[in-house]
Amino acid sequence: MIETRWKLRGMWFAGLRWEADPEGEDLTAAGSEPTVSVFLHGYLEQAGSWEGVAQALPGLRIALDQRGHGRSDHNPPGASYLFADYVADVDALLDAVSPDRAVRLVGHSMGGTIATLYAGARPARVASVVCLDGLGLADGVTGSAIVDSDPVSERMVRFLDGSRTSVPQHRPMPDLLAAAARLQATHPRIGPDWARRLAERGTSPAPPASGSPSSPGSRDESVVWSFDPVHRVRSPIPYRHAHHIPLLRRVHCPVLSLHPQWPVFDTADVALLEREIPDVRVETIPNTSHMMPLEEPASITARILAFWRATAPAPGFRSP
């Protein structure tokens, strides 16, 4: 596993890279270039959340820290985070790592949504998609258990009022052990070693508190999460099925949609979106809730590998 950086669209992006094992399984067609697999994490997560899954799969694998997450750059002050930018970042990454061949995309939650949006916008660039609980965001107008039905006008007013009065900040944690403990409290099935690795990669030293001088010889070990706290500001622009469905209909590659046993999304929303994908297979991973890659990495690896074996490589993309 190698820490990697790319300059994409004027920003520095970080990520993890696993090289292909020369003695490992080859899932590419005879005589063709190897297919790159790109992993996209979920909201407030980071590339390290894919370690348990990606390390056991064949081929060249890349897990991206999406903008404002992990070790990638944050947006400039005052800027919001939009799905269109996440999708454009994937486009730029593929130009850098696989300019002449379609890739396999694997996305969890927000990353799954981004993977399907990209596969619809650039169908020739994607050989297959594995979507882990990434279809099911509630329509921002009709509302459901996940997203309420606030009028867009009220959301815009609250967004403007919040932008005027405060700048989001993280609350410091005492040290890495505290950050790891918080991860384990949120995700009880993560072991202590893995929780510490996620905390090490997903935190930064806490900025000095204003007006609080440090004592000579003292060592401040406090940390904050490395994702941009602006992510916690609710967007004034709601997610709409009407914007997603036309792109789902344009997805030409095979798609594997993996459900958790204990879903958080409304199953009606999930089914509505899955019906729009021309070639979709649906499976459920036992003993999982939303954080599937962290809870059952071995089971997910097995399902992905079986899907990759069963789906023929798509023809290589050629740049115009």
C-alpha atoms as a PDB file:
ATOM      1  CA  MET A   1       0.000   0.000   0.000  1.00  0.00           C
ATOM      2  CA  ILE A   2       1.543   3.284  -1.159  1.00  0.00           C
ATOM      3  CA  GLU A   3       0.506   6.841  -0.322  1.00  0.00           C
ATOM      4  CA  THR A   4       0.023   8.724  -3.592  1.00  0.00           C
ATOM      5  CA  ARG A   5      -0.757  12.279  -4.713  1.00  0.00           C
ATOM      6  CA  TRP A   6      -2.110  13.798  -7.932  1.00  0.00           C
ATOM      7  CA  LYS A   7      -2.586  17.386  -9.088  1.00  0.00           C
ATOM      8  CA  LEU A   8      -6.122  17.433 -10.483  1.00  0.00           C
ATOM      9  CA  ARG A   9      -8.111  20.482 -11.548  1.00  0.00           C
ATOM     10  CA  GLY A  10      -5.765  22.829  -9.697  1.00  0.00           C
ATOM     11  CA  MET A  11      -5.916  20.956  -6.360  1.00  0.00           C
ATOM     12  CA  TRP A  12      -3.757  18.313  -4.703  1.00  0.00           C
ATOM     13  CA  PHE A  13      -5.504  14.996  -4.157  1.00  0.00           C
ATOM     14  CA  ALA A  14      -4.200  12.162  -2.009  1.00  0.00           C
ATOM     15  CA  GLY A  15      -4.961   8.482  -2.086  1.00  0.00           C
ATOM     16  CA  LEU A  16      -3.706   4.940  -1.671  1.00  0.00           C
ATOM     17  CA  ARG A  17      -2.320   2.646  -4.336  1.00  0.00           C
ATOM     18  CA  TRP A  18      -1.926  -1.122  -4.369  1.00  0.00           C
ATOM     19  CA  GLU A  19       0.262  -2.432  -7.187  1.00  0.00           C
ATOM     20  CA  ALA A  20      -0.700  -5.500  -9.195  1.00  0.00           C
ATOM     21  CA  ASP A  21       0.901  -8.736  -8.067  1.00  0.00           C
ATOM     22  CA  PRO A  22       2.798 -10.183 -11.072  1.00  0.00           C
ATOM     23  CA  GLU A  23       1.989 -13.670  -9.764  1.00  0.00           C
ATOM     24  CA  GLY A  24      -1.621 -12.820  -8.928  1.00  0.00           C
ATOM     25  CA  GLU A  25      -4.853 -13.431 -10.811  1.00  0.00           C
ATOM     26  CA  ASP A  26      -5.217 -11.659 -14.163  1.00  0.00           C
ATOM     27  CA  LEU A  27      -8.811 -10.686 -14.973  1.00  0.00           C
ATOM     28  CA  THR A  28      -8.043  -8.820 -18.206  1.00  0.00           C
ATOM     29  CA  ALA A  29      -8.608 -10.112 -21.703  1.00  0.00           C
ATOM     30  CA  ALA A  30      -5.645 -11.759 -23.410  1.00  0.00           C
ATOM     31  CA  GLY A  31      -3.362  -9.200 -24.997  1.00  0.00           C
ATOM     32  CA  SER A  32      -5.085  -6.176 -23.445  1.00  0.00           C
ATOM     33  CA  GLU A  33      -3.750  -3.630 -20.995  1.00  0.00           C
ATOM     34  CA  PRO A  34      -4.536  -4.257 -17.293  1.00  0.00           C
ATOM     35  CA  THR A  35      -7.695  -2.639 -15.980  1.00  0.00           C
ATOM     36  CA  VAL A  36      -7.298  -0.129 -13.149  1.00  0.00           C
ATOM     37  CA  SER A  37      -9.776  -0.327 -10.258  1.00  0.00           C
ATOM     38  CA  VAL A  38     -10.717   2.949  -8.558  1.00  0.00           C
ATOM     39  CA  PHE A  39     -12.346   3.038  -5.099  1.00  0.00           C
ATOM     40  CA  LEU A  40     -14.475   5.984  -3.929  1.00  0.00           C
ATOM     41  CA  HIS A  41     -15.245   6.394  -0.232  1.00  0.00           C
ATOM     42  CA  GLY A  42     -18.358   7.732   1.442  1.00  0.00           C
ATOM     43  CA  TYR A  43     -19.290  10.991   3.131  1.00  0.00           C
ATOM     44  CA  LEU A  44     -16.746  12.082   5.794  1.00  0.00           C
ATOM     45  CA  GLU A  45     -14.686   8.935   5.144  1.00  0.00           C
ATOM     46  CA  GLN A  46     -11.282   8.557   3.468  1.00  0.00           C
ATOM     47  CA  ALA A  47      -9.297   6.233   1.216  1.00  0.00           C
ATOM     48  CA  GLY A  48      -8.126   4.162   4.194  1.00  0.00           C
ATOM     49  CA  SER A  49     -11.642   2.838   4.676  1.00  0.00           C
ATOM     50  CA  TRP A  50     -11.021   0.630   1.602  1.00  0.00           C
ATOM     51  CA  GLU A  51      -7.889  -1.045   2.961  1.00  0.00           C
ATOM     52  CA  GLY A  52      -9.619  -4.234   4.107  1.00  0.00           C
ATOM     53  CA  VAL A  53     -11.310  -4.691   0.718  1.00  0.00           C
ATOM     54  CA  ALA A  54      -8.809  -3.386  -1.832  1.00  0.00           C
ATOM     55  CA  GLN A  55      -5.717  -5.110  -0.456  1.00  0.00           C
ATOM     56  CA  ALA A  56      -7.203  -8.556  -1.186  1.00  0.00           C
ATOM     57  CA  LEU A  57      -8.276  -7.873  -4.791  1.00  0.00           C
ATOM     58  CA  PRO A  58      -6.162  -8.355  -7.953  1.00  0.00           C
ATOM     59  CA  GLY A  59      -4.712  -5.763 -10.289  1.00  0.00           C
ATOM     60  CA  LEU A  60      -3.744  -2.140  -9.837  1.00  0.00           C
ATOM     61  CA  ARG A  61      -6.055  -0.544  -7.261  1.00  0.00           C
ATOM     62  CA  ILE A  62      -6.385   3.144  -6.372  1.00  0.00           C
ATOM     63  CA  ALA A  63      -8.442   4.587  -3.519  1.00  0.00           C
ATOM     64  CA  LEU A  64      -8.968   8.339  -3.796  1.00  0.00           C
ATOM     65  CA  ASP A  65      -9.334  10.825  -0.954  1.00  0.00           C
ATOM     66  CA  GLN A  66     -12.112  12.917  -2.441  1.00  0.00           C
ATOM     67  CA  ARG A  67     -11.835  16.692  -2.226  1.00  0.00           C
ATOM     68  CA  GLY A  68     -12.132  17.945   1.323  1.00  0.00           C
ATOM     69  CA  HIS A  69     -11.588  14.440   2.739  1.00  0.00           C
ATOM     70  CA  GLY A  70      -8.598  12.524   4.070  1.00  0.00           C
ATOM     71  CA  ARG A  71      -5.324  14.080   2.950  1.00  0.00           C
ATOM     72  CA  SER A  72      -6.683  15.864  -0.122  1.00  0.00           C
ATOM     73  CA  ASP A  73      -6.960  19.640  -0.347  1.00  0.00           C
ATOM     74  CA  HIS A  74     -10.004  21.424   1.001  1.00  0.00           C
ATOM     75  CA  ASN A  75     -12.004  23.781  -1.159  1.00  0.00           C
ATOM     76  CA  PRO A  76     -11.081  27.467  -0.851  1.00  0.00           C
ATOM     77  CA  PRO A  77     -12.802  29.361   1.993  1.00  0.00           C
ATOM     78  CA  GLY A  78     -16.395  30.182   1.166  1.00  0.00           C
ATOM     79  CA  ALA A  79     -16.756  27.439  -1.469  1.00  0.00           C
ATOM     80  CA  SER A  80     -19.313  24.631  -1.234  1.00  0.00           C
ATOM     81  CA  TYR A  81     -18.937  20.951  -2.111  1.00  0.00           C
ATOM     82  CA  LEU A  82     -21.016  19.828  -5.091  1.00  0.00           C
ATOM     83  CA  PHE A  83     -21.589  16.406  -6.646  1.00  0.00           C
ATOM     84  CA  ALA A  84     -20.644  17.881 -10.021  1.00  0.00           C
ATOM     85  CA  ASP A  85     -17.141  18.611  -8.710  1.00  0.00           C
ATOM     86  CA  TYR A  86     -16.724  15.124  -7.244  1.00  0.00           C
ATOM     87  CA  VAL A  87     -17.675  13.644 -10.627  1.00  0.00           C
ATOM     88  CA  ALA A  88     -15.299  15.985 -12.483  1.00  0.00           C
ATOM     89  CA  ASP A  89     -12.510  14.999 -10.068  1.00  0.00           C
ATOM     90  CA  VAL A  90     -13.024  11.336 -11.006  1.00  0.00           C
ATOM     91  CA  ASP A  91     -12.843  12.323 -14.679  1.00  0.00           C
ATOM     92  CA  ALA A  92      -9.516  14.068 -14.093  1.00  0.00           C
ATOM     93  CA  LEU A  93      -8.170  11.154 -12.044  1.00  0.00           C
ATOM     94  CA  LEU A  94      -8.971   8.684 -14.823  1.00  0.00           C
ATOM     95  CA  ASP A  95      -7.194  10.926 -17.337  1.00  0.00           C
ATOM     96  CA  ALA A  96      -4.132  10.670 -15.073  1.00  0.00           C
ATOM     97  CA  VAL A  97      -4.157   6.968 -14.171  1.00  0.00           C
ATOM     98  CA  SER A  98      -5.913   5.243 -17.096  1.00  0.00           C
ATOM     99  CA  PRO A  99      -6.182   7.583 -20.086  1.00  0.00           C
ATOM    100  CA  ASP A 100      -6.632   4.857 -22.716  1.00  0.00           C
ATOM    101  CA  ARG A 101      -8.611   2.136 -20.953  1.00  0.00           C
ATOM    102  CA  ALA A 102     -11.913   1.869 -19.106  1.00  0.00           C
ATOM    103  CA  VAL A 103     -11.665   1.355 -15.338  1.00  0.00           C
ATOM    104  CA  ARG A 104     -13.580  -0.562 -12.721  1.00  0.00           C
ATOM    105  CA  LEU A 105     -15.299   1.741 -10.216  1.00  0.00           C
ATOM    106  CA  VAL A 106     -16.149   0.684  -6.668  1.00  0.00           C
ATOM    107  CA  GLY A 107     -18.024   3.196  -4.521  1.00  0.00           C
ATOM    108  CA  HIS A 108     -19.550   3.211  -1.053  1.00  0.00           C
ATOM    109  CA  SER A 109     -22.433   5.494  -0.052  1.00  0.00           C
ATOM    110  CA  MET A 110     -21.649   8.941  -1.507  1.00  0.00           C
ATOM    111  CA  GLY A 111     -18.869   7.265  -3.499  1.00  0.00           C
ATOM    112  CA  GLY A 112     -21.403   4.857  -5.005  1.00  0.00           C
ATOM    113  CA  THR A 113     -23.610   7.734  -6.066  1.00  0.00           C
ATOM    114  CA  ILE A 114     -20.602   9.445  -7.659  1.00  0.00           C
ATOM    115  CA  ALA A 115     -19.576   6.223  -9.429  1.00  0.00           C
ATOM    116  CA  THR A 116     -23.021   5.811 -11.009  1.00  0.00           C
ATOM    117  CA  LEU A 117     -23.206   9.475 -12.002  1.00  0.00           C
ATOM    118  CA  TYR A 118     -19.815   9.205 -13.678  1.00  0.00           C
ATOM    119  CA  ALA A 119     -20.633   5.901 -15.391  1.00  0.00           C
ATOM    120  CA  GLY A 120     -23.692   7.555 -16.928  1.00  0.00           C
ATOM    121  CA  ALA A 121     -21.843  10.690 -17.979  1.00  0.00           C
ATOM    122  CA  ARG A 122     -18.807   8.838 -19.403  1.00  0.00           C
ATOM    123  CA  PRO A 123     -20.030   5.317 -20.209  1.00  0.00           C
ATOM    124  CA  ALA A 124     -17.022   4.483 -22.386  1.00  0.00           C
ATOM    125  CA  ARG A 125     -14.660   5.154 -19.483  1.00  0.00           C
ATOM    126  CA  VAL A 126     -16.163   2.561 -17.105  1.00  0.00           C
ATOM    127  CA  ALA A 127     -15.879  -1.239 -17.399  1.00  0.00           C
ATOM    128  CA  SER A 128     -18.023  -2.033 -14.348  1.00  0.00           C
ATOM    129  CA  VAL A 129     -19.425  -0.488 -11.185  1.00  0.00           C
ATOM    130  CA  VAL A 130     -19.788  -1.961  -7.713  1.00  0.00           C
ATOM    131  CA  CYS A 131     -22.069   0.226  -5.627  1.00  0.00           C
ATOM    132  CA  LEU A 132     -22.158  -0.434  -1.873  1.00  0.00           C
ATOM    133  CA  ASP A 133     -25.291   1.149  -0.385  1.00  0.00           C
ATOM    134  CA  GLY A 134     -24.815   4.098  -2.723  1.00  0.00           C
ATOM    135  CA  LEU A 135     -28.270   4.151  -4.296  1.00  0.00           C
ATOM    136  CA  GLY A 136     -31.043   5.311  -2.028  1.00  0.00           C
ATOM    137  CA  LEU A 137     -30.613   8.968  -1.256  1.00  0.00           C
ATOM    138  CA  ALA A 138     -34.124  10.267  -0.742  1.00  0.00           C
ATOM    139  CA  ASP A 139     -35.506  12.711  -3.251  1.00  0.00           C
ATOM    140  CA  GLY A 140     -34.913  16.157  -1.755  1.00  0.00           C
ATOM    141  CA  VAL A 141     -38.354  17.380  -2.771  1.00  0.00           C
ATOM    142  CA  THR A 142     -40.659  14.486  -1.885  1.00  0.00           C
ATOM    143  CA  GLY A 143     -38.753  13.669   1.303  1.00  0.00           C
ATOM    144  CA  SER A 144     -38.357  10.415   3.266  1.00  0.00           C
ATOM    145  CA  ALA A 145     -36.850   9.117   6.481  1.00  0.00           C
ATOM    146  CA  ILE A 146     -33.371  10.321   5.471  1.00  0.00           C
ATOM    147  CA  VAL A 147     -33.989  13.765   3.957  1.00  0.00           C
ATOM    148  CA  ASP A 148     -36.948  15.879   4.999  1.00  0.00           C
ATOM    149  CA  SER A 149     -39.154  17.821   2.637  1.00  0.00           C
ATOM    150  CA  ASP A 150     -38.105  21.370   3.516  1.00  0.00           C
ATOM    151  CA  PRO A 151     -38.905  23.750   0.690  1.00  0.00           C
ATOM    152  CA  VAL A 152     -35.821  24.712  -1.281  1.00  0.00           C
ATOM    153  CA  SER A 153     -36.449  28.358  -0.417  1.00  0.00           C
ATOM    154  CA  GLU A 154     -36.207  27.663   3.325  1.00  0.00           C
ATOM    155  CA  ARG A 155     -33.022  25.659   2.871  1.00  0.00           C
ATOM    156  CA  MET A 156     -31.482  28.542   0.943  1.00  0.00           C
ATOM    157  CA  VAL A 157     -32.428  31.038   3.654  1.00  0.00           C
ATOM    158  CA  ARG A 158     -30.890  28.864   6.390  1.00  0.00           C
ATOM    159  CA  PHE A 159     -27.757  28.371   4.289  1.00  0.00           C
ATOM    160  CA  LEU A 160     -27.344  32.120   3.797  1.00  0.00           C
ATOM    161  CA  ASP A 161     -27.979  32.849   7.466  1.00  0.00           C
ATOM    162  CA  GLY A 162     -25.435  30.225   8.522  1.00  0.00           C
ATOM    163  CA  SER A 163     -22.817  31.487   6.087  1.00  0.00           C
ATOM    164  CA  ARG A 164     -23.186  34.946   7.550  1.00  0.00           C
ATOM    165  CA  THR A 165     -22.873  34.032  11.219  1.00  0.00           C
ATOM    166  CA  SER A 166     -20.319  31.227  11.601  1.00  0.00           C
ATOM    167  CA  VAL A 167     -17.395  29.347  10.089  1.00  0.00           C
ATOM    168  CA  PRO A 168     -17.588  25.586  10.798  1.00  0.00           C
ATOM    169  CA  GLN A 169     -14.829  24.230  13.035  1.00  0.00           C
ATOM    170  CA  HIS A 170     -13.912  20.798  14.329  1.00  0.00           C
ATOM    171  CA  ARG A 171     -13.935  20.106  18.065  1.00  0.00           C
ATOM    172  CA  PRO A 172     -10.440  18.848  19.046  1.00  0.00           C
ATOM    173  CA  MET A 173      -9.965  15.357  20.461  1.00  0.00           C
ATOM    174  CA  PRO A 174      -7.286  14.778  23.132  1.00  0.00           C
ATOM    175  CA  ASP A 175      -5.136  12.432  21.019  1.00  0.00           C
ATOM    176  CA  LEU A 176      -5.121   9.678  18.418  1.00  0.00           C
ATOM    177  CA  LEU A 177      -6.335   7.122  20.946  1.00  0.00           C
ATOM    178  CA  ALA A 178      -9.408   9.259  21.571  1.00  0.00           C
ATOM    179  CA  ALA A 179     -10.047   9.517  17.835  1.00  0.00           C
ATOM    180  CA  ALA A 180      -9.689   5.742  17.455  1.00  0.00           C
ATOM    181  CA  ALA A 181     -12.042   5.197  20.384  1.00  0.00           C
ATOM    182  CA  ARG A 182     -14.613   7.467  18.766  1.00  0.00           C
ATOM    183  CA  LEU A 183     -14.382   5.451  15.553  1.00  0.00           C
ATOM    184  CA  GLN A 184     -14.902   2.226  17.494  1.00  0.00           C
ATOM    185  CA  ALA A 185     -17.858   3.714  19.369  1.00  0.00           C
ATOM    186  CA  THR A 186     -19.454   4.652  16.052  1.00  0.00           C
ATOM    187  CA  HIS A 187     -18.464   1.407  14.313  1.00  0.00           C
ATOM    188  CA  PRO A 188     -18.190  -1.248  17.062  1.00  0.00           C
ATOM    189  CA  ARG A 189     -17.096  -3.992  14.676  1.00  0.00           C
ATOM    190  CA  ILE A 190     -13.794  -2.262  13.834  1.00  0.00           C
ATOM    191  CA  GLY A 191     -10.868  -3.745  15.765  1.00  0.00           C
ATOM    192  CA  PRO A 192      -8.543  -1.460  17.756  1.00  0.00           C
ATOM    193  CA  ASP A 193      -5.594  -1.795  15.351  1.00  0.00           C
ATOM    194  CA  TRP A 194      -7.657  -0.861  12.318  1.00  0.00           C
ATOM    195  CA  ALA A 195      -9.373   1.966  14.184  1.00  0.00           C
ATOM    196  CA  ARG A 196      -5.969   3.410  15.051  1.00  0.00           C
ATOM    197  CA  ARG A 197      -4.795   3.201  11.421  1.00  0.00           C
ATOM    198  CA  LEU A 198      -7.940   4.997  10.277  1.00  0.00           C
ATOM    199  CA  ALA A 199      -7.459   7.626  12.991  1.00  0.00           C
ATOM    200  CA  GLU A 200      -3.813   8.159  12.062  1.00  0.00           C
ATOM    201  CA  ARG A 201      -4.665   8.740   8.424  1.00  0.00           C
ATOM    202  CA  GLY A 202      -7.922  10.598   9.017  1.00  0.00           C
ATOM    203  CA  THR A 203      -6.801  13.243  11.516  1.00  0.00           C
ATOM    204  CA  SER A 204      -4.544  16.288  11.634  1.00  0.00           C
ATOM    205  CA  PRO A 205      -2.920  18.113  14.563  1.00  0.00           C
ATOM    206  CA  ALA A 206      -5.431  20.435  16.175  1.00  0.00           C
ATOM    207  CA  PRO A 207      -4.727  24.142  15.543  1.00  0.00           C
ATOM    208  CA  PRO A 208      -3.616  26.066  18.634  1.00  0.00           C
ATOM    209  CA  ALA A 209      -6.508  27.521  20.591  1.00  0.00           C
ATOM    210  CA  SER A 210      -6.674  31.296  20.255  1.00  0.00           C
ATOM    211  CA  GLY A 211      -5.171  33.063  23.259  1.00  0.00           C
ATOM    212  CA  SER A 212      -3.974  29.909  25.043  1.00  0.00           C
ATOM    213  CA  PRO A 213      -0.158  29.871  25.214  1.00  0.00           C
ATOM    214  CA  SER A 214       1.447  26.451  25.611  1.00  0.00           C
ATOM    215  CA  SER A 215       3.609  25.668  28.626  1.00  0.00           C
ATOM    216  CA  PRO A 216       7.359  25.288  28.047  1.00  0.00           C
ATOM    217  CA  GLY A 217       8.147  21.663  27.290  1.00  0.00           C
ATOM    218  CA  SER A 218       4.484  20.699  26.976  1.00  0.00           C
ATOM    219  CA  ARG A 219       3.379  18.522  24.096  1.00  0.00           C
ATOM    220  CA  ASP A 220      -0.051  19.046  22.602  1.00  0.00           C
ATOM    221  CA  GLU A 221      -1.292  15.745  21.146  1.00  0.00           C
ATOM    222  CA  SER A 222      -4.804  16.930  20.335  1.00  0.00           C
ATOM    223  CA  VAL A 223      -6.136  16.156  16.863  1.00  0.00           C
ATOM    224  CA  VAL A 224      -9.100  17.011  14.658  1.00  0.00           C
ATOM    225  CA  TRP A 225     -10.671  15.089  11.793  1.00  0.00           C
ATOM    226  CA  SER A 226      -8.960  15.957   8.525  1.00  0.00           C
ATOM    227  CA  PHE A 227     -12.170  16.289   6.482  1.00  0.00           C
ATOM    228  CA  ASP A 228     -13.320  19.847   5.872  1.00  0.00           C
ATOM    229  CA  PRO A 229     -15.924  20.781   8.524  1.00  0.00           C
ATOM    230  CA  VAL A 230     -17.796  22.646   5.773  1.00  0.00           C
ATOM    231  CA  HIS A 231     -19.072  19.202   4.738  1.00  0.00           C
ATOM    232  CA  ARG A 232     -21.394  19.347   7.745  1.00  0.00           C
ATOM    233  CA  VAL A 233     -23.137  22.426   6.343  1.00  0.00           C
ATOM    234  CA  ARG A 234     -26.325  21.323   4.641  1.00  0.00           C
ATOM    235  CA  SER A 235     -26.388  22.181   0.961  1.00  0.00           C
ATOM    236  CA  PRO A 236     -29.158  24.556  -0.156  1.00  0.00           C
ATOM    237  CA  ILE A 237     -29.488  22.476  -3.342  1.00  0.00           C
ATOM    238  CA  PRO A 238     -31.312  19.191  -2.605  1.00  0.00           C
ATOM    239  CA  TYR A 239     -30.453  15.894  -4.245  1.00  0.00           C
ATOM    240  CA  ARG A 240     -33.062  15.031  -6.899  1.00  0.00           C
ATOM    241  CA  HIS A 241     -33.942  11.660  -8.388  1.00  0.00           C
ATOM    242  CA  ALA A 242     -34.888  13.589 -11.542  1.00  0.00           C
ATOM    243  CA  HIS A 243     -31.233  14.575 -11.971  1.00  0.00           C
ATOM    244  CA  HIS A 244     -29.818  11.117 -11.212  1.00  0.00           C
ATOM    245  CA  ILE A 245     -32.165   8.866 -13.203  1.00  0.00           C
ATOM    246  CA  PRO A 246     -31.272  10.161 -16.706  1.00  0.00           C
ATOM    247  CA  LEU A 247     -27.627   9.324 -15.993  1.00  0.00           C
ATOM    248  CA  LEU A 248     -28.464   5.892 -14.559  1.00  0.00           C
ATOM    249  CA  ARG A 249     -30.230   5.089 -17.840  1.00  0.00           C
ATOM    250  CA  ARG A 250     -26.989   5.876 -19.711  1.00  0.00           C
ATOM    251  CA  VAL A 251     -24.858   3.397 -17.730  1.00  0.00           C
ATOM    252  CA  HIS A 252     -23.722   0.804 -20.283  1.00  0.00           C
ATOM    253  CA  CYS A 253     -21.545  -1.392 -18.060  1.00  0.00           C
ATOM    254  CA  PRO A 254     -22.636  -4.104 -15.617  1.00  0.00           C
ATOM    255  CA  VAL A 255     -23.425  -2.837 -12.123  1.00  0.00           C
ATOM    256  CA  LEU A 256     -23.396  -4.774  -8.844  1.00  0.00           C
ATOM    257  CA  SER A 257     -25.510  -3.091  -6.164  1.00  0.00           C
ATOM    258  CA  LEU A 258     -24.657  -4.426  -2.703  1.00  0.00           C
ATOM    259  CA  HIS A 259     -27.210  -3.900   0.051  1.00  0.00           C
ATOM    260  CA  PRO A 260     -26.579  -4.091   3.800  1.00  0.00           C
ATOM    261  CA  GLN A 261     -28.688  -6.460   5.858  1.00  0.00           C
ATOM    262  CA  TRP A 262     -29.822  -3.545   8.033  1.00  0.00           C
ATOM    263  CA  PRO A 263     -30.427  -0.624   5.631  1.00  0.00           C
ATOM    264  CA  VAL A 264     -30.656   3.040   6.538  1.00  0.00           C
ATOM    265  CA  PHE A 265     -32.031   4.167   3.178  1.00  0.00           C
ATOM    266  CA  ASP A 266     -35.659   3.738   2.229  1.00  0.00           C
ATOM    267  CA  THR A 267     -35.846   0.499   0.241  1.00  0.00           C
ATOM    268  CA  ALA A 268     -38.408   2.070  -2.096  1.00  0.00           C
ATOM    269  CA  ASP A 269     -35.885   4.762  -3.082  1.00  0.00           C
ATOM    270  CA  VAL A 270     -33.198   2.123  -3.626  1.00  0.00           C
ATOM    271  CA  ALA A 271     -35.452  -0.029  -5.810  1.00  0.00           C
ATOM    272  CA  LEU A 272     -36.648   2.973  -7.811  1.00  0.00           C
ATOM    273  CA  LEU A 273     -33.086   3.895  -8.773  1.00  0.00           C
ATOM    274  CA  GLU A 274     -31.927   0.334  -9.414  1.00  0.00           C
ATOM    275  CA  ARG A 275     -34.771  -0.224 -11.885  1.00  0.00           C
ATOM    276  CA  GLU A 276     -33.325   2.528 -14.087  1.00  0.00           C
ATOM    277  CA  ILE A 277     -29.946   0.803 -14.570  1.00  0.00           C
ATOM    278  CA  PRO A 278     -29.926  -1.337 -17.739  1.00  0.00           C
ATOM    279  CA  ASP A 279     -27.638  -4.107 -16.401  1.00  0.00           C
ATOM    280  CA  VAL A 280     -27.797  -4.404 -12.605  1.00  0.00           C
ATOM    281  CA  ARG A 281     -27.343  -7.311 -10.204  1.00  0.00           C
ATOM    282  CA  VAL A 282     -28.492  -6.918  -6.586  1.00  0.00           C
ATOM    283  CA  GLU A 283     -27.083  -8.802  -3.591  1.00  0.00           C
ATOM    284  CA  THR A 284     -27.266  -8.419   0.185  1.00  0.00           C
ATOM    285  CA  ILE A 285     -24.260  -8.721   2.508  1.00  0.00           C
ATOM    286  CA  PRO A 286     -25.242 -10.425   5.801  1.00  0.00           C
ATOM    287  CA  ASN A 287     -24.347  -8.839   9.141  1.00  0.00           C
ATOM    288  CA  THR A 288     -23.856  -5.341   7.755  1.00  0.00           C
ATOM    289  CA  SER A 289     -25.325  -1.904   8.226  1.00  0.00           C
ATOM    290  CA  HIS A 290     -24.366   1.174   6.222  1.00  0.00           C
ATOM    291  CA  MET A 291     -20.585   1.030   6.874  1.00  0.00           C
ATOM    292  CA  MET A 292     -20.185  -2.144   4.841  1.00  0.00           C
ATOM    293  CA  PRO A 293     -16.476  -1.892   3.852  1.00  0.00           C
ATOM    294  CA  LEU A 294     -15.489  -1.609   7.513  1.00  0.00           C
ATOM    295  CA  GLU A 295     -17.860  -4.271   8.827  1.00  0.00           C
ATOM    296  CA  GLU A 296     -17.474  -7.235   6.437  1.00  0.00           C
ATOM    297  CA  PRO A 297     -14.464  -6.581   4.174  1.00  0.00           C
ATOM    298  CA  ALA A 298     -13.841 -10.278   3.440  1.00  0.00           C
ATOM    299  CA  SER A 299     -17.437 -10.898   2.335  1.00  0.00           C
ATOM    300  CA  ILE A 300     -17.426  -7.786   0.163  1.00  0.00           C
ATOM    301  CA  THR A 301     -14.094  -8.718  -1.407  1.00  0.00           C
ATOM    302  CA  ALA A 302     -15.497 -12.139  -2.328  1.00  0.00           C
ATOM    303  CA  ARG A 303     -18.618 -10.618  -3.942  1.00  0.00           C
ATOM    304  CA  ILE A 304     -16.584  -8.069  -5.905  1.00  0.00           C
ATOM    305  CA  LEU A 305     -14.149 -10.703  -7.133  1.00  0.00           C
ATOM    306  CA  ALA A 306     -16.961 -13.004  -8.255  1.00  0.00           C
ATOM    307  CA  PHE A 307     -18.606 -10.101 -10.088  1.00  0.00           C
ATOM    308  CA  TRP A 308     -15.373  -9.104 -11.811  1.00  0.00           C
ATOM    309  CA  ARG A 309     -14.803 -12.700 -12.902  1.00  0.00           C
ATOM    310  CA  ALA A 310     -18.332 -12.971 -14.277  1.00  0.00           C
ATOM    311  CA  THR A 311     -18.262  -9.747 -16.298  1.00  0.00           C
ATOM    312  CA  ALA A 312     -16.196  -9.574 -19.458  1.00  0.00           C
ATOM    313  CA  PRO A 313     -13.770  -6.638 -19.746  1.00  0.00           C
ATOM    314  CA  ALA A 314     -15.206  -3.713 -21.648  1.00  0.00           C
ATOM    315  CA  PRO A 315     -13.377  -2.515 -24.774  1.00  0.00           C
ATOM    316  CA  GLY A 316     -10.591  -0.095 -23.936  1.00  0.00           C
ATOM    317  CA  PHE A 317     -11.428   3.584 -24.088  1.00  0.00           C
ATOM    318  CA  ARG A 318      -9.402   5.555 -26.578  1.00  0.00           C
ATOM    319  CA  SER A 319      -8.925   9.266 -26.148  1.00  0.00           C
ATOM    320  CA  PRO A 320     -10.278  11.318 -29.072  1.00  0.00           C
END
